[in-house]
Amino acid sequence: MVADPQEALRRLKEGNLRYTEGRGNDFSDHRASREAAASGQHPFAIVLGCADSRVPPEFVFDHGLGELFVVRVAGNIAAPSQLGSIEYAVEHFGASLIVVLGHSGCGAVTAALGQVDSGAVGEQYPGELGSIVDRITPALAGLPEGSAEERMNAAVTANVQSSVATLGKDPELASFVSSGDLQIIGAEYSLATGQVSFHEAS
């Protein structure tokens, strides 16, 4: 049975606590969960996270196969392909919670902040990297002054909030939010501690 938004959030918080305290589940043998999930999946939450190899949501939230619907892309941006994937999970699997998961020291956010601070917004990157950076830079306008670390932390938060706002404006998702069947929140993962801080903890 798919959890309601508050139950889903509670399960993620408890999983992250297990992870940070070293009490996580042993997923070294996936046979049972693989066989159980082979006939269908019922994820209770969706995570839009960064592609950074140090932030795998299944580990961070201590949940196994079939429990989380994870969409990962550098900078945890909500571009059309990510939106489509998330719409699918909400409509077909009934997931009740979307978490946009940013993290400390994000490389994509660092690149975008470098453009903003140098006045080189729109600078060309090789391949499609620029399309990612270009989606992040608008969210970084008007960041408060401060140290490099403070500005970076603020930039990560602003980028998460931007993706949350983009998801919230999506017509397909908005109908589920308005009915109370879906909640969209932001969160940030600390590479140093492993802890996840939710923007709208309940």
N, C-alpha and C. Protein backbone atom coordinates (compact mmCIF):
# COMPACT_ATOMS: atom_id res chain seq x y z
N MET A 1 0.85 -1.20 0.00
CA MET A 1 0.00 0.00 0.00
C MET A 1 0.88 1.25 0.00
N VAL A 2 0.55 2.19 -0.88
CA VAL A 2 1.33 3.41 -1.00
C VAL A 2 1.04 4.33 0.19
N ALA A 3 2.07 4.87 0.78
CA ALA A 3 1.92 5.73 1.95
C ALA A 3 1.36 7.10 1.56
N ASP A 4 0.73 7.78 2.55
CA ASP A 4 0.34 9.16 2.31
C ASP A 4 1.58 10.03 2.46
N PRO A 5 1.52 11.32 2.08
CA PRO A 5 2.72 12.15 2.08
C PRO A 5 3.45 12.19 3.42
N GLN A 6 2.73 12.31 4.52
CA GLN A 6 3.39 12.42 5.82
C GLN A 6 4.03 11.10 6.24
N GLU A 7 3.37 10.00 5.93
CA GLU A 7 3.94 8.69 6.23
C GLU A 7 5.18 8.44 5.38
N ALA A 8 5.13 8.85 4.12
CA ALA A 8 6.28 8.69 3.24
C ALA A 8 7.47 9.50 3.75
N LEU A 9 7.20 10.72 4.20
CA LEU A 9 8.27 11.56 4.73
C LEU A 9 8.86 10.95 6.00
N ARG A 10 8.00 10.42 6.85
CA ARG A 10 8.48 9.78 8.07
C ARG A 10 9.41 8.61 7.74
N ARG A 11 9.03 7.81 6.76
CA ARG A 11 9.84 6.66 6.39
C ARG A 11 11.21 7.08 5.84
N LEU A 12 11.23 8.18 5.09
CA LEU A 12 12.52 8.67 4.58
C LEU A 12 13.40 9.19 5.71
N LYS A 13 12.80 9.91 6.64
CA LYS A 13 13.57 10.44 7.77
C LYS A 13 14.14 9.30 8.61
N GLU A 14 13.34 8.30 8.88
CA GLU A 14 13.81 7.17 9.68
C GLU A 14 14.91 6.41 8.95
N GLY A 15 14.77 6.28 7.63
CA GLY A 15 15.80 5.60 6.86
C GLY A 15 17.11 6.35 6.86
N ASN A 16 17.04 7.69 6.74
CA ASN A 16 18.26 8.48 6.77
C ASN A 16 18.94 8.40 8.14
N LEU A 17 18.13 8.33 9.20
CA LEU A 17 18.71 8.19 10.54
C LEU A 17 19.43 6.85 10.67
N ARG A 18 18.83 5.80 10.16
CA ARG A 18 19.50 4.50 10.19
C ARG A 18 20.83 4.55 9.43
N TYR A 19 20.79 5.22 8.28
CA TYR A 19 21.99 5.34 7.44
C TYR A 19 23.11 6.09 8.16
N THR A 20 22.77 7.22 8.76
CA THR A 20 23.81 8.04 9.41
C THR A 20 24.34 7.38 10.68
N GLU A 21 23.52 6.55 11.30
CA GLU A 21 23.95 5.88 12.53
C GLU A 21 24.58 4.51 12.26
N GLY A 22 24.68 4.14 10.98
CA GLY A 22 25.30 2.87 10.65
C GLY A 22 24.42 1.67 10.94
N ARG A 23 23.09 1.87 10.98
CA ARG A 23 22.16 0.79 11.26
C ARG A 23 21.37 0.39 10.04
N GLY A 24 21.87 0.73 8.85
CA GLY A 24 21.13 0.48 7.62
C GLY A 24 20.93 -1.00 7.34
N ASN A 25 19.96 -1.28 6.49
CA ASN A 25 19.68 -2.66 6.10
C ASN A 25 20.83 -3.24 5.29
N ASP A 26 20.97 -4.53 5.33
CA ASP A 26 21.98 -5.22 4.54
C ASP A 26 21.35 -5.62 3.21
N PHE A 27 21.66 -4.85 2.18
CA PHE A 27 21.10 -5.13 0.86
C PHE A 27 22.08 -5.89 -0.03
N SER A 28 23.04 -6.58 0.60
CA SER A 28 24.05 -7.29 -0.18
C SER A 28 23.45 -8.47 -0.96
N ASP A 29 22.35 -9.03 -0.46
CA ASP A 29 21.67 -10.12 -1.16
C ASP A 29 20.31 -9.60 -1.61
N HIS A 30 20.20 -9.36 -2.92
CA HIS A 30 18.98 -8.75 -3.46
C HIS A 30 17.99 -9.77 -3.99
N ARG A 31 18.27 -11.04 -3.80
CA ARG A 31 17.41 -12.04 -4.46
C ARG A 31 15.95 -11.94 -4.06
N ALA A 32 15.68 -11.86 -2.77
CA ALA A 32 14.29 -11.84 -2.32
C ALA A 32 13.55 -10.60 -2.80
N SER A 33 14.19 -9.43 -2.64
CA SER A 33 13.53 -8.20 -3.05
C SER A 33 13.42 -8.11 -4.57
N ARG A 34 14.40 -8.67 -5.28
CA ARG A 34 14.34 -8.67 -6.74
C ARG A 34 13.17 -9.52 -7.23
N GLU A 35 13.01 -10.67 -6.63
CA GLU A 35 11.92 -11.56 -7.02
C GLU A 35 10.57 -10.96 -6.68
N ALA A 36 10.50 -10.29 -5.52
CA ALA A 36 9.23 -9.67 -5.11
C ALA A 36 8.85 -8.51 -6.02
N ALA A 37 9.84 -7.79 -6.51
CA ALA A 37 9.58 -6.62 -7.34
C ALA A 37 9.45 -6.95 -8.82
N ALA A 38 9.74 -8.19 -9.19
CA ALA A 38 9.74 -8.55 -10.61
C ALA A 38 8.37 -8.39 -11.25
N SER A 39 7.32 -8.61 -10.48
CA SER A 39 5.96 -8.54 -11.04
C SER A 39 5.36 -7.15 -11.00
N GLY A 40 6.03 -6.21 -10.35
CA GLY A 40 5.51 -4.85 -10.29
C GLY A 40 6.22 -4.03 -9.22
N GLN A 41 6.08 -2.73 -9.32
CA GLN A 41 6.71 -1.85 -8.34
C GLN A 41 5.68 -0.93 -7.69
N HIS A 42 5.94 -0.60 -6.44
CA HIS A 42 5.02 0.26 -5.69
C HIS A 42 5.83 1.26 -4.85
N PRO A 43 6.59 2.13 -5.50
CA PRO A 43 7.39 3.09 -4.74
C PRO A 43 6.51 4.06 -3.96
N PHE A 44 6.89 4.32 -2.71
CA PHE A 44 6.08 5.23 -1.90
C PHE A 44 6.54 6.67 -2.03
N ALA A 45 7.74 6.89 -2.59
CA ALA A 45 8.27 8.25 -2.76
C ALA A 45 9.10 8.34 -4.02
N ILE A 46 9.19 9.55 -4.52
CA ILE A 46 10.00 9.86 -5.70
C ILE A 46 11.12 10.79 -5.26
N VAL A 47 12.33 10.52 -5.71
CA VAL A 47 13.45 11.38 -5.39
C VAL A 47 14.06 11.90 -6.68
N LEU A 48 14.05 13.22 -6.83
CA LEU A 48 14.77 13.87 -7.93
C LEU A 48 16.11 14.31 -7.35
N GLY A 49 17.16 13.58 -7.66
CA GLY A 49 18.45 13.84 -7.05
C GLY A 49 19.53 14.13 -8.06
N CYS A 50 20.68 14.52 -7.55
CA CYS A 50 21.83 14.78 -8.38
C CYS A 50 22.48 13.46 -8.79
N ALA A 51 23.16 13.46 -9.93
CA ALA A 51 23.82 12.26 -10.42
C ALA A 51 25.13 11.97 -9.69
N ASP A 52 25.52 12.83 -8.78
CA ASP A 52 26.77 12.65 -8.04
C ASP A 52 26.85 11.24 -7.46
N SER A 53 27.98 10.57 -7.70
CA SER A 53 28.13 9.17 -7.29
C SER A 53 28.15 8.98 -5.78
N ARG A 54 28.28 10.08 -5.03
CA ARG A 54 28.34 9.98 -3.57
C ARG A 54 26.97 10.12 -2.91
N VAL A 55 25.93 10.30 -3.72
CA VAL A 55 24.60 10.56 -3.15
C VAL A 55 23.54 9.63 -3.74
N PRO A 56 23.68 8.31 -3.56
CA PRO A 56 22.65 7.40 -4.05
C PRO A 56 21.45 7.37 -3.09
N PRO A 57 20.28 7.81 -3.52
CA PRO A 57 19.13 7.90 -2.61
C PRO A 57 18.76 6.61 -1.89
N GLU A 58 18.94 5.47 -2.56
CA GLU A 58 18.60 4.21 -1.91
C GLU A 58 19.46 3.99 -0.67
N PHE A 59 20.71 4.39 -0.72
CA PHE A 59 21.58 4.29 0.45
C PHE A 59 21.22 5.38 1.47
N VAL A 60 21.11 6.61 0.98
CA VAL A 60 20.87 7.76 1.85
C VAL A 60 19.61 7.58 2.68
N PHE A 61 18.57 6.98 2.08
CA PHE A 61 17.31 6.80 2.79
C PHE A 61 17.09 5.35 3.24
N ASP A 62 18.07 4.50 2.99
CA ASP A 62 18.03 3.11 3.47
C ASP A 62 16.77 2.38 3.03
N HIS A 63 16.50 2.39 1.71
CA HIS A 63 15.38 1.65 1.15
C HIS A 63 15.83 0.90 -0.08
N GLY A 64 15.25 -0.26 -0.29
CA GLY A 64 15.72 -1.16 -1.33
C GLY A 64 14.92 -1.13 -2.61
N LEU A 65 15.06 -2.21 -3.37
CA LEU A 65 14.43 -2.32 -4.69
C LEU A 65 12.92 -2.12 -4.61
N GLY A 66 12.41 -1.29 -5.50
CA GLY A 66 10.97 -1.09 -5.61
C GLY A 66 10.36 -0.12 -4.64
N GLU A 67 11.16 0.44 -3.72
CA GLU A 67 10.59 1.32 -2.70
C GLU A 67 10.68 2.80 -3.05
N LEU A 68 11.69 3.18 -3.82
CA LEU A 68 11.85 4.56 -4.23
C LEU A 68 11.93 4.64 -5.75
N PHE A 69 11.27 5.65 -6.30
CA PHE A 69 11.38 5.91 -7.74
C PHE A 69 12.38 7.06 -7.87
N VAL A 70 13.56 6.75 -8.37
CA VAL A 70 14.66 7.71 -8.36
C VAL A 70 14.95 8.23 -9.75
N VAL A 71 14.99 9.56 -9.86
CA VAL A 71 15.37 10.24 -11.10
C VAL A 71 16.61 11.06 -10.78
N ARG A 72 17.71 10.80 -11.48
CA ARG A 72 18.96 11.49 -11.15
C ARG A 72 19.53 12.19 -12.38
N VAL A 73 19.98 13.42 -12.15
CA VAL A 73 20.59 14.23 -13.20
C VAL A 73 21.48 15.25 -12.52
N ALA A 74 22.58 15.60 -13.14
CA ALA A 74 23.49 16.58 -12.54
C ALA A 74 22.73 17.84 -12.16
N GLY A 75 22.90 18.28 -10.92
CA GLY A 75 22.25 19.51 -10.46
C GLY A 75 20.80 19.35 -10.07
N ASN A 76 20.30 18.12 -10.00
CA ASN A 76 18.89 17.85 -9.66
C ASN A 76 17.91 18.84 -10.28
N ILE A 77 18.10 19.07 -11.59
CA ILE A 77 17.24 20.01 -12.31
C ILE A 77 15.96 19.32 -12.76
N ALA A 78 14.91 20.11 -12.95
CA ALA A 78 13.62 19.58 -13.39
C ALA A 78 13.39 19.95 -14.85
N ALA A 79 14.15 19.32 -15.73
CA ALA A 79 13.99 19.51 -17.17
C ALA A 79 12.86 18.62 -17.67
N PRO A 80 12.41 18.78 -18.94
CA PRO A 80 11.26 18.03 -19.42
C PRO A 80 11.34 16.51 -19.23
N SER A 81 12.49 15.91 -19.50
CA SER A 81 12.58 14.45 -19.35
C SER A 81 12.41 14.02 -17.90
N GLN A 82 12.94 14.82 -16.96
CA GLN A 82 12.75 14.50 -15.55
C GLN A 82 11.28 14.67 -15.15
N LEU A 83 10.67 15.74 -15.62
CA LEU A 83 9.26 15.97 -15.32
C LEU A 83 8.39 14.81 -15.82
N GLY A 84 8.67 14.37 -17.03
CA GLY A 84 7.90 13.27 -17.59
C GLY A 84 8.03 12.00 -16.78
N SER A 85 9.24 11.71 -16.34
CA SER A 85 9.47 10.51 -15.52
C SER A 85 8.72 10.60 -14.20
N ILE A 86 8.74 11.78 -13.60
CA ILE A 86 8.06 11.98 -12.32
C ILE A 86 6.55 11.92 -12.49
N GLU A 87 6.03 12.53 -13.54
CA GLU A 87 4.59 12.43 -13.81
C GLU A 87 4.17 10.97 -13.92
N TYR A 88 4.96 10.19 -14.61
CA TYR A 88 4.65 8.77 -14.79
C TYR A 88 4.56 8.05 -13.45
N ALA A 89 5.52 8.31 -12.59
CA ALA A 89 5.54 7.63 -11.29
C ALA A 89 4.35 8.01 -10.43
N VAL A 90 3.96 9.27 -10.47
CA VAL A 90 2.81 9.72 -9.68
C VAL A 90 1.53 9.10 -10.23
N GLU A 91 1.36 9.13 -11.54
CA GLU A 91 0.12 8.68 -12.14
C GLU A 91 -0.04 7.16 -12.14
N HIS A 92 1.06 6.44 -12.32
CA HIS A 92 0.96 4.98 -12.47
C HIS A 92 1.24 4.21 -11.18
N PHE A 93 2.03 4.79 -10.29
CA PHE A 93 2.38 4.06 -9.07
C PHE A 93 1.80 4.67 -7.80
N GLY A 94 1.24 5.87 -7.91
CA GLY A 94 0.61 6.48 -6.76
C GLY A 94 1.56 6.99 -5.70
N ALA A 95 2.82 7.22 -6.05
CA ALA A 95 3.76 7.76 -5.07
C ALA A 95 3.23 9.09 -4.54
N SER A 96 3.32 9.28 -3.23
CA SER A 96 2.66 10.44 -2.61
C SER A 96 3.61 11.57 -2.22
N LEU A 97 4.89 11.37 -2.41
CA LEU A 97 5.87 12.37 -1.99
C LEU A 97 6.96 12.49 -3.04
N ILE A 98 7.29 13.73 -3.40
CA ILE A 98 8.44 14.01 -4.26
C ILE A 98 9.44 14.81 -3.45
N VAL A 99 10.67 14.33 -3.39
CA VAL A 99 11.74 15.03 -2.70
C VAL A 99 12.79 15.45 -3.72
N VAL A 100 13.04 16.74 -3.81
CA VAL A 100 14.15 17.24 -4.62
C VAL A 100 15.36 17.27 -3.71
N LEU A 101 16.32 16.41 -3.99
CA LEU A 101 17.47 16.22 -3.10
C LEU A 101 18.73 16.85 -3.67
N GLY A 102 19.10 18.02 -3.12
CA GLY A 102 20.38 18.63 -3.46
C GLY A 102 21.44 18.15 -2.50
N HIS A 103 22.67 18.59 -2.69
CA HIS A 103 23.73 18.17 -1.77
C HIS A 103 24.84 19.20 -1.71
N SER A 104 25.58 19.15 -0.62
CA SER A 104 26.69 20.08 -0.43
C SER A 104 27.74 19.86 -1.51
N GLY A 105 28.38 20.94 -1.91
CA GLY A 105 29.47 20.85 -2.88
C GLY A 105 29.07 20.38 -4.26
N CYS A 106 27.83 20.60 -4.66
CA CYS A 106 27.36 20.14 -5.97
C CYS A 106 28.17 20.77 -7.10
N GLY A 107 28.72 19.95 -7.98
CA GLY A 107 29.55 20.46 -9.06
C GLY A 107 28.78 21.31 -10.06
N ALA A 108 27.57 20.92 -10.39
CA ALA A 108 26.77 21.69 -11.34
C ALA A 108 26.42 23.06 -10.78
N VAL A 109 26.08 23.10 -9.49
CA VAL A 109 25.78 24.37 -8.85
C VAL A 109 27.04 25.23 -8.75
N THR A 110 28.16 24.60 -8.48
CA THR A 110 29.44 25.32 -8.43
C THR A 110 29.72 25.99 -9.76
N ALA A 111 29.49 25.27 -10.86
CA ALA A 111 29.72 25.84 -12.19
C ALA A 111 28.80 27.02 -12.45
N ALA A 112 27.53 26.87 -12.08
CA ALA A 112 26.57 27.96 -12.29
C ALA A 112 26.90 29.17 -11.43
N LEU A 113 27.29 28.94 -10.19
CA LEU A 113 27.64 30.05 -9.30
C LEU A 113 28.89 30.75 -9.81
N GLY A 114 29.82 30.01 -10.37
CA GLY A 114 31.01 30.61 -10.95
C GLY A 114 30.67 31.55 -12.09
N GLN A 115 29.70 31.17 -12.89
CA GLN A 115 29.25 32.05 -13.97
C GLN A 115 28.63 33.32 -13.42
N VAL A 116 27.77 33.16 -12.42
CA VAL A 116 27.09 34.32 -11.83
C VAL A 116 28.11 35.28 -11.23
N ASP A 117 29.05 34.74 -10.46
CA ASP A 117 30.01 35.59 -9.77
C ASP A 117 31.02 36.24 -10.71
N SER A 118 31.27 35.61 -11.84
CA SER A 118 32.23 36.18 -12.79
C SER A 118 31.57 37.04 -13.85
N GLY A 119 30.24 37.04 -13.84
CA GLY A 119 29.52 37.80 -14.86
C GLY A 119 29.54 37.14 -16.21
N ALA A 120 29.82 35.84 -16.24
CA ALA A 120 29.94 35.12 -17.51
C ALA A 120 28.76 34.19 -17.75
N VAL A 121 27.57 34.59 -17.32
CA VAL A 121 26.38 33.76 -17.51
C VAL A 121 26.18 33.50 -19.00
N GLY A 122 25.92 32.25 -19.32
CA GLY A 122 25.75 31.89 -20.73
C GLY A 122 27.03 31.40 -21.38
N GLU A 123 28.10 31.37 -20.62
CA GLU A 123 29.37 30.87 -21.14
C GLU A 123 29.20 29.46 -21.67
N GLN A 124 29.81 29.19 -22.79
CA GLN A 124 29.63 27.90 -23.43
C GLN A 124 30.44 26.80 -22.75
N TYR A 125 29.80 25.67 -22.54
CA TYR A 125 30.46 24.47 -22.04
C TYR A 125 30.42 23.42 -23.14
N PRO A 126 31.35 22.49 -23.12
CA PRO A 126 31.36 21.46 -24.16
C PRO A 126 30.13 20.56 -24.07
N GLY A 127 29.67 20.09 -25.22
CA GLY A 127 28.52 19.18 -25.25
C GLY A 127 27.27 19.82 -24.67
N GLU A 128 26.53 19.03 -23.91
CA GLU A 128 25.25 19.48 -23.35
C GLU A 128 25.36 19.98 -21.91
N LEU A 129 26.58 20.08 -21.39
CA LEU A 129 26.75 20.54 -20.01
C LEU A 129 26.14 21.93 -19.81
N GLY A 130 26.27 22.77 -20.82
CA GLY A 130 25.72 24.12 -20.71
C GLY A 130 24.22 24.13 -20.49
N SER A 131 23.50 23.14 -21.02
CA SER A 131 22.05 23.11 -20.86
C SER A 131 21.67 22.89 -19.39
N ILE A 132 22.54 22.20 -18.66
CA ILE A 132 22.30 21.98 -17.23
C ILE A 132 22.61 23.26 -16.45
N VAL A 133 23.77 23.83 -16.71
CA VAL A 133 24.18 25.05 -16.01
C VAL A 133 23.18 26.17 -16.28
N ASP A 134 22.72 26.27 -17.52
CA ASP A 134 21.78 27.34 -17.87
C ASP A 134 20.45 27.22 -17.13
N ARG A 135 20.08 26.02 -16.73
CA ARG A 135 18.84 25.85 -15.97
C ARG A 135 19.03 26.22 -14.51
N ILE A 136 20.26 26.23 -14.05
CA ILE A 136 20.53 26.53 -12.64
C ILE A 136 20.76 28.02 -12.40
N THR A 137 21.45 28.70 -13.31
CA THR A 137 21.87 30.09 -13.07
C THR A 137 20.72 31.04 -12.73
N PRO A 138 19.53 30.95 -13.35
CA PRO A 138 18.47 31.90 -12.98
C PRO A 138 18.10 31.85 -11.50
N ALA A 139 18.20 30.68 -10.89
CA ALA A 139 17.84 30.53 -9.48
C ALA A 139 18.84 31.19 -8.56
N LEU A 140 20.03 31.52 -9.07
CA LEU A 140 21.08 32.06 -8.23
C LEU A 140 21.16 33.58 -8.25
N ALA A 141 20.27 34.20 -8.97
CA ALA A 141 20.25 35.67 -8.99
C ALA A 141 19.83 36.19 -7.62
N GLY A 142 20.53 37.19 -7.13
CA GLY A 142 20.16 37.80 -5.87
C GLY A 142 20.56 37.03 -4.64
N LEU A 143 21.54 36.14 -4.74
CA LEU A 143 22.01 35.45 -3.55
C LEU A 143 22.62 36.45 -2.58
N PRO A 144 22.47 36.22 -1.28
CA PRO A 144 23.04 37.16 -0.30
C PRO A 144 24.56 37.15 -0.34
N GLU A 145 25.15 38.27 0.01
CA GLU A 145 26.61 38.34 0.10
C GLU A 145 27.09 37.49 1.27
N GLY A 146 28.34 37.08 1.20
CA GLY A 146 28.91 36.27 2.27
C GLY A 146 30.17 35.60 1.82
N SER A 147 30.67 34.70 2.62
CA SER A 147 31.87 33.96 2.27
C SER A 147 31.57 33.02 1.11
N ALA A 148 32.61 32.47 0.52
CA ALA A 148 32.42 31.52 -0.58
C ALA A 148 31.58 30.33 -0.13
N GLU A 149 31.82 29.85 1.07
CA GLU A 149 31.06 28.71 1.60
C GLU A 149 29.60 29.09 1.81
N GLU A 150 29.36 30.27 2.35
CA GLU A 150 27.98 30.71 2.59
C GLU A 150 27.22 30.86 1.27
N ARG A 151 27.89 31.42 0.27
CA ARG A 151 27.23 31.60 -1.02
C ARG A 151 26.96 30.26 -1.69
N MET A 152 27.88 29.33 -1.54
CA MET A 152 27.67 28.01 -2.11
C MET A 152 26.50 27.31 -1.45
N ASN A 153 26.43 27.38 -0.13
CA ASN A 153 25.31 26.77 0.58
C ASN A 153 23.99 27.40 0.15
N ALA A 154 23.99 28.72 0.02
CA ALA A 154 22.77 29.42 -0.41
C ALA A 154 22.39 29.05 -1.83
N ALA A 155 23.40 28.83 -2.67
CA ALA A 155 23.14 28.46 -4.06
C ALA A 155 22.52 27.07 -4.16
N VAL A 156 23.00 26.13 -3.37
CA VAL A 156 22.44 24.78 -3.35
C VAL A 156 20.96 24.85 -2.93
N THR A 157 20.69 25.62 -1.88
CA THR A 157 19.32 25.77 -1.41
C THR A 157 18.43 26.40 -2.47
N ALA A 158 18.92 27.46 -3.09
CA ALA A 158 18.14 28.16 -4.12
C ALA A 158 17.84 27.24 -5.30
N ASN A 159 18.81 26.42 -5.67
CA ASN A 159 18.60 25.52 -6.80
C ASN A 159 17.58 24.44 -6.47
N VAL A 160 17.61 23.92 -5.26
CA VAL A 160 16.61 22.95 -4.83
C VAL A 160 15.22 23.59 -4.87
N GLN A 161 15.11 24.78 -4.32
CA GLN A 161 13.82 25.47 -4.28
C GLN A 161 13.30 25.76 -5.69
N SER A 162 14.22 26.04 -6.60
CA SER A 162 13.82 26.29 -7.99
C SER A 162 13.20 25.04 -8.61
N SER A 163 13.82 23.89 -8.37
CA SER A 163 13.27 22.65 -8.92
C SER A 163 11.93 22.30 -8.27
N VAL A 164 11.82 22.55 -6.96
CA VAL A 164 10.54 22.32 -6.28
C VAL A 164 9.46 23.20 -6.92
N ALA A 165 9.79 24.46 -7.18
CA ALA A 165 8.82 25.38 -7.79
C ALA A 165 8.43 24.92 -9.19
N THR A 166 9.41 24.45 -9.96
CA THR A 166 9.12 23.96 -11.31
C THR A 166 8.18 22.77 -11.27
N LEU A 167 8.43 21.84 -10.37
CA LEU A 167 7.55 20.69 -10.23
C LEU A 167 6.15 21.11 -9.80
N GLY A 168 6.08 22.07 -8.89
CA GLY A 168 4.79 22.53 -8.39
C GLY A 168 3.93 23.21 -9.44
N LYS A 169 4.58 23.77 -10.47
CA LYS A 169 3.85 24.45 -11.54
C LYS A 169 3.40 23.50 -12.65
N ASP A 170 3.89 22.28 -12.61
CA ASP A 170 3.53 21.31 -13.64
C ASP A 170 2.05 20.95 -13.50
N PRO A 171 1.25 21.14 -14.54
CA PRO A 171 -0.20 20.91 -14.43
C PRO A 171 -0.56 19.49 -14.00
N GLU A 172 0.17 18.50 -14.49
CA GLU A 172 -0.14 17.12 -14.14
C GLU A 172 0.07 16.86 -12.66
N LEU A 173 1.14 17.42 -12.11
CA LEU A 173 1.44 17.22 -10.69
C LEU A 173 0.58 18.10 -9.80
N ALA A 174 0.27 19.31 -10.28
CA ALA A 174 -0.47 20.27 -9.47
C ALA A 174 -1.84 19.72 -9.06
N SER A 175 -2.46 18.94 -9.92
CA SER A 175 -3.78 18.40 -9.59
C SER A 175 -3.70 17.42 -8.41
N PHE A 176 -2.62 16.66 -8.34
CA PHE A 176 -2.44 15.73 -7.23
C PHE A 176 -2.12 16.49 -5.94
N VAL A 177 -1.35 17.56 -6.07
CA VAL A 177 -1.02 18.38 -4.89
C VAL A 177 -2.29 19.02 -4.33
N SER A 178 -3.11 19.58 -5.21
CA SER A 178 -4.31 20.27 -4.75
C SER A 178 -5.30 19.34 -4.08
N SER A 179 -5.28 18.06 -4.43
CA SER A 179 -6.19 17.09 -3.82
C SER A 179 -5.64 16.53 -2.52
N GLY A 180 -4.38 16.88 -2.21
CA GLY A 180 -3.77 16.39 -0.98
C GLY A 180 -3.12 15.02 -1.11
N ASP A 181 -3.09 14.48 -2.33
CA ASP A 181 -2.52 13.15 -2.56
C ASP A 181 -1.01 13.19 -2.81
N LEU A 182 -0.46 14.39 -2.96
CA LEU A 182 0.95 14.51 -3.28
C LEU A 182 1.54 15.73 -2.59
N GLN A 183 2.75 15.57 -2.09
CA GLN A 183 3.50 16.68 -1.51
C GLN A 183 4.85 16.76 -2.21
N ILE A 184 5.31 17.98 -2.45
CA ILE A 184 6.61 18.19 -3.08
C ILE A 184 7.46 19.03 -2.14
N ILE A 185 8.60 18.51 -1.74
CA ILE A 185 9.46 19.24 -0.81
C ILE A 185 10.92 19.18 -1.27
N GLY A 186 11.72 20.08 -0.73
CA GLY A 186 13.14 20.09 -1.00
C GLY A 186 13.91 19.53 0.18
N ALA A 187 15.12 19.09 -0.08
CA ALA A 187 15.98 18.56 0.96
C ALA A 187 17.43 18.68 0.52
N GLU A 188 18.33 18.65 1.48
CA GLU A 188 19.77 18.74 1.17
C GLU A 188 20.54 17.70 1.96
N TYR A 189 21.46 17.08 1.26
CA TYR A 189 22.29 16.03 1.82
C TYR A 189 23.68 16.58 2.11
N SER A 190 24.20 16.28 3.28
CA SER A 190 25.55 16.70 3.63
C SER A 190 26.53 15.57 3.30
N LEU A 191 27.48 15.85 2.44
CA LEU A 191 28.48 14.85 2.11
C LEU A 191 29.31 14.47 3.32
N ALA A 192 29.50 15.41 4.23
CA ALA A 192 30.36 15.18 5.40
C ALA A 192 29.68 14.30 6.45
N THR A 193 28.39 14.52 6.69
CA THR A 193 27.71 13.81 7.78
C THR A 193 26.75 12.73 7.31
N GLY A 194 26.31 12.81 6.07
CA GLY A 194 25.31 11.86 5.57
C GLY A 194 23.89 12.23 5.95
N GLN A 195 23.72 13.33 6.66
CA GLN A 195 22.38 13.73 7.11
C GLN A 195 21.63 14.49 6.01
N VAL A 196 20.33 14.28 5.97
CA VAL A 196 19.46 15.00 5.07
C VAL A 196 18.64 16.00 5.85
N SER A 197 18.67 17.25 5.44
CA SER A 197 17.86 18.31 6.06
C SER A 197 16.71 18.62 5.10
N PHE A 198 15.49 18.48 5.58
CA PHE A 198 14.31 18.75 4.74
C PHE A 198 13.92 20.20 4.88
N HIS A 199 13.59 20.83 3.77
CA HIS A 199 13.19 22.23 3.78
C HIS A 199 11.86 22.44 4.46
N GLU A 200 11.00 21.46 4.38
CA GLU A 200 9.67 21.59 4.98
C GLU A 200 9.42 20.37 5.84
N ALA A 201 10.20 20.19 6.86
CA ALA A 201 10.02 19.04 7.74
C ALA A 201 8.67 19.14 8.42
N SER A 202 8.01 18.02 8.52
CA SER A 202 6.69 18.00 9.17
C SER A 202 6.69 16.98 10.29
